[in-house]
Amino acid sequence: MIVAWMKWLPTAALLVCLTAGCQTDTGGPPVSPAPTGGGTSAPTSASSVPTPEPTCTPDGARYPEARSCSEEERAEQVRLDELEAEAMQVYQEFWDEWVRQMKAGGSPEPSDYMKERASGPFLEGQRLLLRDMHDGRGELKGELTTVAAPARGVTFQGSEVALIACMDGSGTVTTYEDDGESYPGKLTYWTLSLRHDPTDGRLKIDDGEPEEVNACPISD
């Protein structure tokens, strides 16, 4: 606005001379031209708006309600939120593939898809189960279901992130052709460890501890 006003000033002065005549000032201070309309007000500095304090959302039993926190705490919570979301996705993808292979009668080895989502003792345990199903020509009838949740604040077997999960096979029966025996499924409650595999950088389920339960303690 200041630049535009300075450009306008000589033109306005010239118009005054052309229409009203100009008189040379011989001594007094120069007279500023009267404003011709709405004058330009001087810019005022905007009042500073206080920066809102970062807020951390509820975090399990430690912080059941939202609270004010530092920038560092907020950044760490965002990091954990993203890590837990990735862990939940890894678990769900592993579970879906595991169910598919179990319903197909097991397999000599876990699929590459499973190996991209699990490693270590956990993968080895599932490998033995799938091989037993395959070698015994097992047939699974019924539905396998699961529910899982992050376990923030829990460190299990040196995990980067931990999950709790109910793996429900209580509505299933597995019959093995080689011995003709049938075995009912069970409901198990797991604490799972996930960490990044140094060989490929993927987040994987690497260990787990099951417990047979009568009811799942995780809210769906």
C-alpha atoms as a PDB file:
ATOM      1  CA  MET A   1       0.000   0.000   0.000  1.00  0.00           C
ATOM      2  CA  ILE A   2       2.863   2.412   0.743  1.00  0.00           C
ATOM      3  CA  VAL A   3       4.437   1.872  -2.686  1.00  0.00           C
ATOM      4  CA  ALA A   4       1.110   2.324  -4.434  1.00  0.00           C
ATOM      5  CA  TRP A   5       0.418   5.543  -2.491  1.00  0.00           C
ATOM      6  CA  MET A   6       3.851   6.969  -3.419  1.00  0.00           C
ATOM      7  CA  LYS A   7       3.162   6.213  -7.083  1.00  0.00           C
ATOM      8  CA  TRP A   8      -0.210   7.933  -6.810  1.00  0.00           C
ATOM      9  CA  LEU A   9       1.094  11.079  -5.066  1.00  0.00           C
ATOM     10  CA  PRO A  10       2.816  12.828  -8.070  1.00  0.00           C
ATOM     11  CA  THR A  11      -0.193  12.172 -10.265  1.00  0.00           C
ATOM     12  CA  ALA A  12      -2.546  13.605  -7.666  1.00  0.00           C
ATOM     13  CA  ALA A  13      -0.375  16.712  -7.247  1.00  0.00           C
ATOM     14  CA  LEU A  14      -0.297  17.225 -11.004  1.00  0.00           C
ATOM     15  CA  LEU A  15      -4.070  17.021 -11.182  1.00  0.00           C
ATOM     16  CA  VAL A  16      -4.379  19.645  -8.445  1.00  0.00           C
ATOM     17  CA  CYS A  17      -2.112  22.018 -10.418  1.00  0.00           C
ATOM     18  CA  LEU A  18      -4.072  21.472 -13.605  1.00  0.00           C
ATOM     19  CA  THR A  19      -7.483  22.047 -12.049  1.00  0.00           C
ATOM     20  CA  ALA A  20      -6.834  24.579  -9.279  1.00  0.00           C
ATOM     21  CA  GLY A  21      -3.512  26.134 -10.202  1.00  0.00           C
ATOM     22  CA  CYS A  22      -0.234  25.859  -8.319  1.00  0.00           C
ATOM     23  CA  GLN A  23       1.389  28.548  -6.194  1.00  0.00           C
ATOM     24  CA  THR A  24       5.069  28.451  -5.345  1.00  0.00           C
ATOM     25  CA  ASP A  25       5.727  28.218  -1.636  1.00  0.00           C
ATOM     26  CA  THR A  26       8.378  30.730  -0.595  1.00  0.00           C
ATOM     27  CA  GLY A  27       8.924  29.879   2.986  1.00  0.00           C
ATOM     28  CA  GLY A  28       6.398  27.869   4.908  1.00  0.00           C
ATOM     29  CA  PRO A  29       6.442  24.167   5.269  1.00  0.00           C
ATOM     30  CA  PRO A  30       4.993  22.179   2.438  1.00  0.00           C
ATOM     31  CA  VAL A  31       1.301  21.548   2.678  1.00  0.00           C
ATOM     32  CA  SER A  32       0.263  17.906   2.366  1.00  0.00           C
ATOM     33  CA  PRO A  33      -2.614  17.309   0.010  1.00  0.00           C
ATOM     34  CA  ALA A  34      -5.877  16.621   1.748  1.00  0.00           C
ATOM     35  CA  PRO A  35      -7.042  13.030   1.491  1.00  0.00           C
ATOM     36  CA  THR A  36      -9.563  12.568  -1.288  1.00  0.00           C
ATOM     37  CA  GLY A  37     -11.428   9.702   0.241  1.00  0.00           C
ATOM     38  CA  GLY A  38     -10.872   6.969   2.736  1.00  0.00           C
ATOM     39  CA  GLY A  39      -7.303   7.472   3.886  1.00  0.00           C
ATOM     40  CA  THR A  40      -4.857   4.648   4.326  1.00  0.00           C
ATOM     41  CA  SER A  41      -4.424   3.775   7.967  1.00  0.00           C
ATOM     42  CA  ALA A  42      -1.013   2.880   9.265  1.00  0.00           C
ATOM     43  CA  PRO A  43      -0.456  -0.855   9.576  1.00  0.00           C
ATOM     44  CA  THR A  44      -0.838  -2.228  13.048  1.00  0.00           C
ATOM     45  CA  SER A  45       0.929  -5.260  14.359  1.00  0.00           C
ATOM     46  CA  ALA A  46      -1.351  -8.221  14.962  1.00  0.00           C
ATOM     47  CA  SER A  47      -1.604  -9.279  18.538  1.00  0.00           C
ATOM     48  CA  SER A  48       0.387 -12.401  19.142  1.00  0.00           C
ATOM     49  CA  VAL A  49      -1.727 -15.570  19.421  1.00  0.00           C
ATOM     50  CA  PRO A  50      -0.553 -17.899  22.164  1.00  0.00           C
ATOM     51  CA  THR A  51       0.611 -21.274  20.890  1.00  0.00           C
ATOM     52  CA  PRO A  52      -1.663 -24.008  22.245  1.00  0.00           C
ATOM     53  CA  GLU A  53      -0.020 -26.543  24.496  1.00  0.00           C
ATOM     54  CA  PRO A  54       0.431 -29.988  22.936  1.00  0.00           C
ATOM     55  CA  THR A  55      -2.054 -32.561  24.155  1.00  0.00           C
ATOM     56  CA  CYS A  56      -1.407 -36.248  24.657  1.00  0.00           C
ATOM     57  CA  THR A  57      -4.402 -38.506  24.196  1.00  0.00           C
ATOM     58  CA  PRO A  58      -5.353 -41.241  26.680  1.00  0.00           C
ATOM     59  CA  ASP A  59      -2.599 -43.813  26.995  1.00  0.00           C
ATOM     60  CA  GLY A  60      -3.841 -46.982  28.643  1.00  0.00           C
ATOM     61  CA  ALA A  61      -3.926 -47.256  32.419  1.00  0.00           C
ATOM     62  CA  ARG A  62      -1.085 -44.768  32.927  1.00  0.00           C
ATOM     63  CA  TYR A  63      -2.990 -41.801  31.512  1.00  0.00           C
ATOM     64  CA  PRO A  64      -6.684 -42.683  31.138  1.00  0.00           C
ATOM     65  CA  GLU A  65      -7.577 -39.119  30.118  1.00  0.00           C
ATOM     66  CA  ALA A  66      -6.162 -36.560  27.699  1.00  0.00           C
ATOM     67  CA  ARG A  67      -3.516 -34.340  29.291  1.00  0.00           C
ATOM     68  CA  SER A  68      -1.125 -31.506  28.534  1.00  0.00           C
ATOM     69  CA  CYS A  69       2.351 -32.713  27.688  1.00  0.00           C
ATOM     70  CA  SER A  70       5.641 -31.532  26.235  1.00  0.00           C
ATOM     71  CA  GLU A  71       6.453 -31.452  22.529  1.00  0.00           C
ATOM     72  CA  GLU A  72       8.829 -34.368  23.084  1.00  0.00           C
ATOM     73  CA  GLU A  73       6.137 -36.440  24.804  1.00  0.00           C
ATOM     74  CA  ARG A  74       3.663 -35.662  22.045  1.00  0.00           C
ATOM     75  CA  ALA A  75       6.173 -36.649  19.340  1.00  0.00           C
ATOM     76  CA  GLU A  76       6.895 -39.910  21.151  1.00  0.00           C
ATOM     77  CA  GLN A  77       3.190 -40.665  21.422  1.00  0.00           C
ATOM     78  CA  VAL A  78       2.723 -40.090  17.697  1.00  0.00           C
ATOM     79  CA  ARG A  79       5.652 -42.432  16.997  1.00  0.00           C
ATOM     80  CA  LEU A  80       4.161 -45.138  19.226  1.00  0.00           C
ATOM     81  CA  ASP A  81       0.710 -44.676  17.690  1.00  0.00           C
ATOM     82  CA  GLU A  82       2.155 -45.269  14.226  1.00  0.00           C
ATOM     83  CA  LEU A  83       4.230 -48.252  15.392  1.00  0.00           C
ATOM     84  CA  GLU A  84       1.230 -49.855  17.095  1.00  0.00           C
ATOM     85  CA  ALA A  85      -0.939 -49.339  14.010  1.00  0.00           C
ATOM     86  CA  GLU A  86       1.717 -51.048  11.895  1.00  0.00           C
ATOM     87  CA  ALA A  87       1.990 -53.893  14.429  1.00  0.00           C
ATOM     88  CA  MET A  88      -1.772 -54.442  14.348  1.00  0.00           C
ATOM     89  CA  GLN A  89      -1.699 -54.603  10.560  1.00  0.00           C
ATOM     90  CA  VAL A  90       1.198 -57.089  10.605  1.00  0.00           C
ATOM     91  CA  TYR A  91      -0.656 -59.305  13.069  1.00  0.00           C
ATOM     92  CA  GLN A  92      -3.931 -59.234  11.125  1.00  0.00           C
ATOM     93  CA  GLU A  93      -2.182 -60.046   7.858  1.00  0.00           C
ATOM     94  CA  PHE A  94      -0.289 -62.927   9.474  1.00  0.00           C
ATOM     95  CA  TRP A  95      -3.467 -64.265  11.057  1.00  0.00           C
ATOM     96  CA  ASP A  96      -5.419 -64.190   7.781  1.00  0.00           C
ATOM     97  CA  GLU A  97      -2.672 -66.135   5.998  1.00  0.00           C
ATOM     98  CA  TRP A  98      -2.292 -68.610   8.859  1.00  0.00           C
ATOM     99  CA  VAL A  99      -6.039 -69.328   8.842  1.00  0.00           C
ATOM    100  CA  ARG A 100      -5.950 -69.791   5.077  1.00  0.00           C
ATOM    101  CA  GLN A 101      -3.145 -72.348   5.335  1.00  0.00           C
ATOM    102  CA  MET A 102      -4.773 -74.185   8.238  1.00  0.00           C
ATOM    103  CA  LYS A 103      -8.045 -74.499   6.313  1.00  0.00           C
ATOM    104  CA  ALA A 104      -6.070 -75.756   3.316  1.00  0.00           C
ATOM    105  CA  GLY A 105      -4.735 -78.653   5.407  1.00  0.00           C
ATOM    106  CA  GLY A 106      -1.464 -77.161   6.606  1.00  0.00           C
ATOM    107  CA  SER A 107       1.813 -76.999   4.695  1.00  0.00           C
ATOM    108  CA  PRO A 108       5.399 -78.271   4.950  1.00  0.00           C
ATOM    109  CA  GLU A 109       6.643 -74.695   5.429  1.00  0.00           C
ATOM    110  CA  PRO A 110       5.084 -71.297   6.140  1.00  0.00           C
ATOM    111  CA  SER A 111       4.479 -69.221   3.037  1.00  0.00           C
ATOM    112  CA  ASP A 112       6.789 -66.364   2.088  1.00  0.00           C
ATOM    113  CA  TYR A 113       3.924 -64.043   3.006  1.00  0.00           C
ATOM    114  CA  MET A 114       4.003 -65.388   6.571  1.00  0.00           C
ATOM    115  CA  LYS A 115       7.794 -65.148   6.714  1.00  0.00           C
ATOM    116  CA  GLU A 116       7.523 -61.460   5.834  1.00  0.00           C
ATOM    117  CA  ARG A 117       5.394 -60.957   8.954  1.00  0.00           C
ATOM    118  CA  ALA A 118       6.851 -63.380  11.497  1.00  0.00           C
ATOM    119  CA  SER A 119      10.242 -64.706  12.547  1.00  0.00           C
ATOM    120  CA  GLY A 120      12.107 -66.343  15.423  1.00  0.00           C
ATOM    121  CA  PRO A 121      10.441 -68.647  17.957  1.00  0.00           C
ATOM    122  CA  PHE A 122       6.947 -67.522  16.986  1.00  0.00           C
ATOM    123  CA  LEU A 123       7.355 -68.466  13.334  1.00  0.00           C
ATOM    124  CA  GLU A 124       8.998 -71.757  14.304  1.00  0.00           C
ATOM    125  CA  GLY A 125       6.019 -72.688  16.477  1.00  0.00           C
ATOM    126  CA  GLN A 126       3.591 -71.982  13.652  1.00  0.00           C
ATOM    127  CA  ARG A 127       5.792 -73.926  11.219  1.00  0.00           C
ATOM    128  CA  LEU A 128       5.575 -77.045  13.423  1.00  0.00           C
ATOM    129  CA  LEU A 129       1.812 -76.690  13.708  1.00  0.00           C
ATOM    130  CA  LEU A 130       1.331 -76.298   9.966  1.00  0.00           C
ATOM    131  CA  ARG A 131       3.642 -79.232   9.231  1.00  0.00           C
ATOM    132  CA  ASP A 132       1.838 -81.452  11.752  1.00  0.00           C
ATOM    133  CA  MET A 133      -1.446 -80.571  10.070  1.00  0.00           C
ATOM    134  CA  HIS A 134       0.030 -81.341   6.653  1.00  0.00           C
ATOM    135  CA  ASP A 135       1.775 -84.598   7.559  1.00  0.00           C
ATOM    136  CA  GLY A 136      -1.223 -85.944   9.474  1.00  0.00           C
ATOM    137  CA  ARG A 137      -3.599 -84.954   6.649  1.00  0.00           C
ATOM    138  CA  GLY A 138      -5.651 -82.887   9.026  1.00  0.00           C
ATOM    139  CA  GLU A 139      -8.947 -81.248   8.204  1.00  0.00           C
ATOM    140  CA  LEU A 140     -10.155 -78.247  10.169  1.00  0.00           C
ATOM    141  CA  LYS A 141     -13.865 -77.539  10.446  1.00  0.00           C
ATOM    142  CA  GLY A 142     -15.348 -74.455  12.073  1.00  0.00           C
ATOM    143  CA  GLU A 143     -14.304 -70.830  12.325  1.00  0.00           C
ATOM    144  CA  LEU A 144     -11.089 -69.386  13.714  1.00  0.00           C
ATOM    145  CA  THR A 145     -11.438 -65.843  15.053  1.00  0.00           C
ATOM    146  CA  THR A 146      -9.164 -63.337  16.718  1.00  0.00           C
ATOM    147  CA  VAL A 147      -9.165 -59.992  18.483  1.00  0.00           C
ATOM    148  CA  ALA A 148      -6.013 -58.035  19.301  1.00  0.00           C
ATOM    149  CA  ALA A 149      -4.942 -54.771  20.909  1.00  0.00           C
ATOM    150  CA  PRO A 150      -1.714 -52.835  21.550  1.00  0.00           C
ATOM    151  CA  ALA A 151      -0.117 -53.371  24.958  1.00  0.00           C
ATOM    152  CA  ARG A 152       1.523 -49.968  25.471  1.00  0.00           C
ATOM    153  CA  GLY A 153       3.918 -49.882  28.364  1.00  0.00           C
ATOM    154  CA  VAL A 154       4.525 -53.639  28.103  1.00  0.00           C
ATOM    155  CA  THR A 155       7.929 -54.912  27.043  1.00  0.00           C
ATOM    156  CA  PHE A 156       7.955 -58.613  26.223  1.00  0.00           C
ATOM    157  CA  GLN A 157      11.160 -60.420  25.265  1.00  0.00           C
ATOM    158  CA  GLY A 158      12.817 -57.125  24.351  1.00  0.00           C
ATOM    159  CA  SER A 159      10.023 -56.114  21.995  1.00  0.00           C
ATOM    160  CA  GLU A 160       9.867 -52.786  20.197  1.00  0.00           C
ATOM    161  CA  VAL A 161       6.095 -53.012  20.470  1.00  0.00           C
ATOM    162  CA  ALA A 162       3.856 -55.577  22.160  1.00  0.00           C
ATOM    163  CA  LEU A 163       0.364 -56.794  21.385  1.00  0.00           C
ATOM    164  CA  ILE A 164      -2.144 -58.890  23.257  1.00  0.00           C
ATOM    165  CA  ALA A 165      -4.367 -61.206  21.241  1.00  0.00           C
ATOM    166  CA  CYS A 166      -7.043 -63.820  21.696  1.00  0.00           C
ATOM    167  CA  MET A 167      -6.842 -66.616  19.131  1.00  0.00           C
ATOM    168  CA  ASP A 168     -10.143 -68.436  19.306  1.00  0.00           C
ATOM    169  CA  GLY A 169     -10.353 -71.956  17.950  1.00  0.00           C
ATOM    170  CA  SER A 170     -13.014 -73.072  20.420  1.00  0.00           C
ATOM    171  CA  GLY A 171     -15.542 -73.399  17.619  1.00  0.00           C
ATOM    172  CA  THR A 172     -13.348 -75.737  15.569  1.00  0.00           C
ATOM    173  CA  VAL A 173     -12.585 -79.444  15.356  1.00  0.00           C
ATOM    174  CA  THR A 174      -9.522 -80.844  13.590  1.00  0.00           C
ATOM    175  CA  THR A 175      -9.628 -84.442  12.379  1.00  0.00           C
ATOM    176  CA  TYR A 176      -6.441 -86.244  11.326  1.00  0.00           C
ATOM    177  CA  GLU A 177      -6.808 -88.836   8.612  1.00  0.00           C
ATOM    178  CA  ASP A 178      -3.689 -90.773   9.605  1.00  0.00           C
ATOM    179  CA  ASP A 179      -5.063 -91.769  13.028  1.00  0.00           C
ATOM    180  CA  GLY A 180      -8.743 -90.906  12.718  1.00  0.00           C
ATOM    181  CA  GLU A 181      -8.631 -88.782  15.874  1.00  0.00           C
ATOM    182  CA  SER A 182     -10.498 -85.500  16.269  1.00  0.00           C
ATOM    183  CA  TYR A 183      -9.332 -82.637  18.470  1.00  0.00           C
ATOM    184  CA  PRO A 184     -11.424 -79.650  19.573  1.00  0.00           C
ATOM    185  CA  GLY A 185      -9.840 -76.223  19.296  1.00  0.00           C
ATOM    186  CA  LYS A 186      -9.093 -73.949  22.235  1.00  0.00           C
ATOM    187  CA  LEU A 187      -9.221 -70.284  23.152  1.00  0.00           C
ATOM    188  CA  THR A 188      -5.748 -68.912  23.865  1.00  0.00           C
ATOM    189  CA  TYR A 189      -4.629 -65.513  25.105  1.00  0.00           C
ATOM    190  CA  TRP A 190      -1.280 -64.359  23.721  1.00  0.00           C
ATOM    191  CA  THR A 191       1.278 -61.724  24.583  1.00  0.00           C
ATOM    192  CA  LEU A 192       3.182 -61.019  21.378  1.00  0.00           C
ATOM    193  CA  SER A 193       6.535 -59.367  20.760  1.00  0.00           C
ATOM    194  CA  LEU A 194       7.206 -57.484  17.536  1.00  0.00           C
ATOM    195  CA  ARG A 195      10.452 -55.967  16.367  1.00  0.00           C
ATOM    196  CA  HIS A 196      12.158 -55.017  13.141  1.00  0.00           C
ATOM    197  CA  ASP A 197      14.023 -57.901  11.535  1.00  0.00           C
ATOM    198  CA  PRO A 198      17.637 -56.803  10.911  1.00  0.00           C
ATOM    199  CA  THR A 199      17.818 -58.952   7.773  1.00  0.00           C
ATOM    200  CA  ASP A 200      15.108 -57.113   5.836  1.00  0.00           C
ATOM    201  CA  GLY A 201      13.991 -54.235   8.080  1.00  0.00           C
ATOM    202  CA  ARG A 202      10.395 -55.463   8.319  1.00  0.00           C
ATOM    203  CA  LEU A 203       8.375 -55.313  11.524  1.00  0.00           C
ATOM    204  CA  LYS A 204       7.589 -58.931  12.481  1.00  0.00           C
ATOM    205  CA  ILE A 205       6.049 -61.011  15.253  1.00  0.00           C
ATOM    206  CA  ASP A 206       9.120 -62.718  16.668  1.00  0.00           C
ATOM    207  CA  ASP A 207       7.927 -64.277  19.914  1.00  0.00           C
ATOM    208  CA  GLY A 208       4.791 -65.022  21.848  1.00  0.00           C
ATOM    209  CA  GLU A 209       3.515 -66.526  25.055  1.00  0.00           C
ATOM    210  CA  PRO A 210       0.117 -68.297  25.002  1.00  0.00           C
ATOM    211  CA  GLU A 211      -2.218 -69.032  27.876  1.00  0.00           C
ATOM    212  CA  GLU A 212      -5.353 -71.135  27.629  1.00  0.00           C
ATOM    213  CA  VAL A 213      -8.362 -69.171  28.923  1.00  0.00           C
ATOM    214  CA  ASN A 214     -12.104 -69.635  29.265  1.00  0.00           C
ATOM    215  CA  ALA A 215     -12.969 -66.111  28.118  1.00  0.00           C
ATOM    216  CA  CYS A 216     -11.108 -63.438  26.177  1.00  0.00           C
ATOM    217  CA  PRO A 217     -10.156 -60.467  28.389  1.00  0.00           C
ATOM    218  CA  ILE A 218      -9.846 -58.121  25.399  1.00  0.00           C
ATOM    219  CA  SER A 219     -12.839 -55.971  24.519  1.00  0.00           C
ATOM    220  CA  ASP A 220     -13.757 -56.315  20.875  1.00  0.00           C
END
